[in-house]
Amino acid sequence: MKVSITKDKLWLCLPIIVAELMDVTVTLFGQSSEYWKGSYHLVNELNPFARWFMVIHPLGAIIYIVLDITATCVVLLLLPSMFSKVLATFWTIGSAKAIYNWLVGPLQMGWWLSNLAIVIPAIVLVYALEKASVNQTNARQPVTLLEFEFPKKGC
């Protein structure tokens, strides 16, 4: 199986990064004063992995988000282009949903502001999909950053 990591796919990491950074920001703002006073077991987080990190310390949220972005982008870069676009869209929508839930719920930002906030990841997603698609259709061959082939079994 041949894997090509192209420059076009890097654009698809951008909406994931923006949405995840917004998500971790509202997650941290949504924590109670008791959490910030050191009662980390009172963390308010539904994602079991992020919750585990945040029970240890608030900086765990930052560590988790860096690991999450890195893992997601690596998978995105290794997948075929169509699947990379699906993953970028899925991940951005999921993060936007989490952002909205924090804003309209615990942070009580109201319906209008909460909806306006999720326009940001939507704009970045559309821009990234456009850049990835335009670059693929305009170029005869995509600029390849890395290309490798997995060894075949039984050789």
Protein backbone atom coordinates (compact mmCIF):
# COMPACT_ATOMS: atom_id res chain seq x y z
CA MET A 1 0.00 0.00 0.00
CA LYS A 2 1.42 3.36 -1.06
CA VAL A 3 0.86 6.40 1.16
CA SER A 4 1.32 9.98 -0.06
CA ILE A 5 1.27 12.89 2.33
CA THR A 6 0.58 15.94 0.21
CA LYS A 7 0.71 19.63 0.97
CA ASP A 8 -3.01 19.84 0.20
CA LYS A 9 -3.87 17.61 3.14
CA LEU A 10 -2.08 19.94 5.54
CA TRP A 11 -4.87 22.46 4.95
CA LEU A 12 -7.31 19.94 6.39
CA CYS A 13 -5.50 20.04 9.74
CA LEU A 14 -6.27 23.75 10.14
CA PRO A 15 -10.00 23.46 11.02
CA ILE A 16 -9.21 20.66 13.47
CA ILE A 17 -6.60 22.81 15.20
CA VAL A 18 -8.86 25.89 15.37
CA ALA A 19 -11.91 23.97 16.61
CA GLU A 20 -9.95 21.97 19.19
CA LEU A 21 -8.27 25.12 20.56
CA MET A 22 -11.65 26.80 20.87
CA ASP A 23 -13.05 23.68 22.54
CA VAL A 24 -10.29 23.46 25.16
CA THR A 25 -10.64 27.19 25.84
CA VAL A 26 -14.37 27.02 26.60
CA THR A 27 -13.83 23.76 28.52
CA LEU A 28 -11.35 25.46 30.83
CA PHE A 29 -13.57 28.53 31.23
CA GLY A 30 -16.47 26.24 32.08
CA GLN A 31 -14.81 24.70 35.12
CA SER A 32 -16.11 25.58 38.57
CA SER A 33 -14.24 27.74 41.07
CA GLU A 34 -13.77 24.61 43.21
CA TYR A 35 -11.94 22.96 40.33
CA TRP A 36 -9.62 25.94 40.03
CA LYS A 37 -8.99 25.88 43.80
CA GLY A 38 -7.51 22.39 43.47
CA SER A 39 -10.48 20.02 43.64
CA TYR A 40 -9.60 18.52 40.26
CA HIS A 41 -11.91 15.55 40.83
CA LEU A 42 -14.81 18.01 40.33
CA VAL A 43 -13.90 18.44 36.67
CA ASN A 44 -16.85 19.02 34.33
CA GLU A 45 -15.97 17.14 31.13
CA LEU A 46 -17.81 14.43 29.19
CA ASN A 47 -14.89 13.23 27.05
CA PRO A 48 -13.45 10.39 29.17
CA PHE A 49 -9.90 10.86 27.87
CA ALA A 50 -9.86 14.62 28.42
CA ARG A 51 -11.52 14.09 31.79
CA TRP A 52 -8.76 11.70 32.87
CA PHE A 53 -6.09 14.28 32.02
CA MET A 54 -8.02 17.12 33.69
CA VAL A 55 -8.53 15.18 36.93
CA ILE A 56 -4.74 15.13 37.26
CA HIS A 57 -4.29 18.87 36.65
CA PRO A 58 -5.76 21.69 34.49
CA LEU A 59 -2.62 21.58 32.33
CA GLY A 60 -3.74 18.06 31.48
CA ALA A 61 -6.33 19.66 29.19
CA ILE A 62 -3.52 21.30 27.22
CA ILE A 63 -1.51 18.08 27.07
CA TYR A 64 -4.59 16.16 25.95
CA ILE A 65 -5.49 18.65 23.23
CA VAL A 66 -1.94 18.61 21.82
CA LEU A 67 -1.97 14.80 21.74
CA ASP A 68 -5.47 14.77 20.24
CA ILE A 69 -4.60 17.28 17.50
CA THR A 70 -1.36 15.46 16.70
CA ALA A 71 -2.96 12.01 16.49
CA THR A 72 -5.92 13.25 14.44
CA CYS A 73 -3.72 15.13 11.98
CA VAL A 74 -1.35 12.18 11.56
CA VAL A 75 -4.29 9.90 10.72
CA LEU A 76 -5.72 12.58 8.42
CA LEU A 77 -2.40 12.86 6.56
CA LEU A 78 -2.14 9.11 6.10
CA LEU A 79 -5.67 8.57 4.79
CA PRO A 80 -6.67 8.90 1.14
CA SER A 81 -7.85 12.41 0.26
CA MET A 82 -11.59 11.67 0.35
CA PHE A 83 -11.37 10.10 3.81
CA SER A 84 -9.14 12.95 5.01
CA LYS A 85 -11.86 15.43 4.07
CA VAL A 86 -14.50 13.34 5.85
CA LEU A 87 -12.34 13.12 8.98
CA ALA A 88 -11.63 16.87 8.98
CA THR A 89 -15.34 17.62 8.58
CA PHE A 90 -16.42 15.11 11.22
CA TRP A 91 -13.85 16.30 13.77
CA THR A 92 -14.60 19.98 13.20
CA ILE A 93 -18.37 19.44 13.53
CA GLY A 94 -17.85 17.41 16.70
CA SER A 95 -15.69 20.11 18.24
CA ALA A 96 -18.13 22.83 17.15
CA LYS A 97 -20.92 20.90 18.86
CA ALA A 98 -18.87 20.76 22.07
CA ILE A 99 -18.08 24.49 21.82
CA TYR A 100 -21.77 25.30 21.36
CA ASN A 101 -22.80 23.10 24.30
CA TRP A 102 -20.31 24.84 26.62
CA LEU A 103 -21.31 28.31 25.46
CA VAL A 104 -25.08 27.88 25.58
CA GLY A 105 -24.96 25.71 28.73
CA PRO A 106 -22.52 26.29 31.59
CA LEU A 107 -21.08 29.56 30.21
CA GLN A 108 -24.59 30.94 29.53
CA MET A 109 -23.56 32.97 26.49
CA GLY A 110 -27.01 32.73 24.96
CA TRP A 111 -28.25 31.32 21.72
CA TRP A 112 -27.00 34.13 19.40
CA LEU A 113 -23.42 34.34 20.68
CA SER A 114 -23.13 30.57 20.92
CA ASN A 115 -24.19 30.18 17.30
CA LEU A 116 -21.94 33.02 16.15
CA ALA A 117 -18.94 31.41 17.86
CA ILE A 118 -19.30 28.18 15.89
CA VAL A 119 -19.26 30.12 12.63
CA ILE A 120 -15.48 30.43 13.14
CA PRO A 121 -14.68 26.70 12.79
CA ALA A 122 -17.26 26.49 9.97
CA ILE A 123 -15.51 29.24 7.99
CA VAL A 124 -12.09 27.67 8.59
CA LEU A 125 -13.41 24.25 7.52
CA VAL A 126 -14.90 25.54 4.27
CA TYR A 127 -11.70 27.49 3.53
CA ALA A 128 -9.53 24.42 4.18
CA LEU A 129 -11.73 22.15 2.06
CA GLU A 130 -11.63 24.72 -0.72
CA LYS A 131 -7.83 25.05 -0.55
CA ALA A 132 -7.36 21.27 -0.52
CA SER A 133 -9.76 20.77 -3.45
CA VAL A 134 -8.53 23.70 -5.58
CA ASN A 135 -4.93 22.64 -5.19
CA GLN A 136 -5.82 19.08 -6.22
CA THR A 137 -7.77 20.08 -9.31
CA ASN A 138 -5.39 22.83 -10.52
CA ALA A 139 -2.21 20.82 -10.24
CA ARG A 140 -1.40 17.92 -12.51
CA GLN A 141 0.47 16.23 -9.70
CA PRO A 142 0.08 17.26 -6.05
CA VAL A 143 3.26 18.38 -4.32
CA THR A 144 4.26 15.40 -2.24
CA LEU A 145 5.96 16.01 1.07
CA LEU A 146 6.47 12.38 1.91
CA GLU A 147 5.80 9.17 0.05
CA PHE A 148 6.41 5.66 1.26
CA GLU A 149 5.19 2.18 0.57
CA PHE A 150 4.37 -0.43 3.17
CA PRO A 151 6.22 -3.72 2.60
CA LYS A 152 4.08 -6.51 1.23
CA LYS A 153 3.65 -9.58 3.37
CA GLY A 154 4.98 -12.89 2.12
CA CYS A 155 7.76 -11.54 -0.11
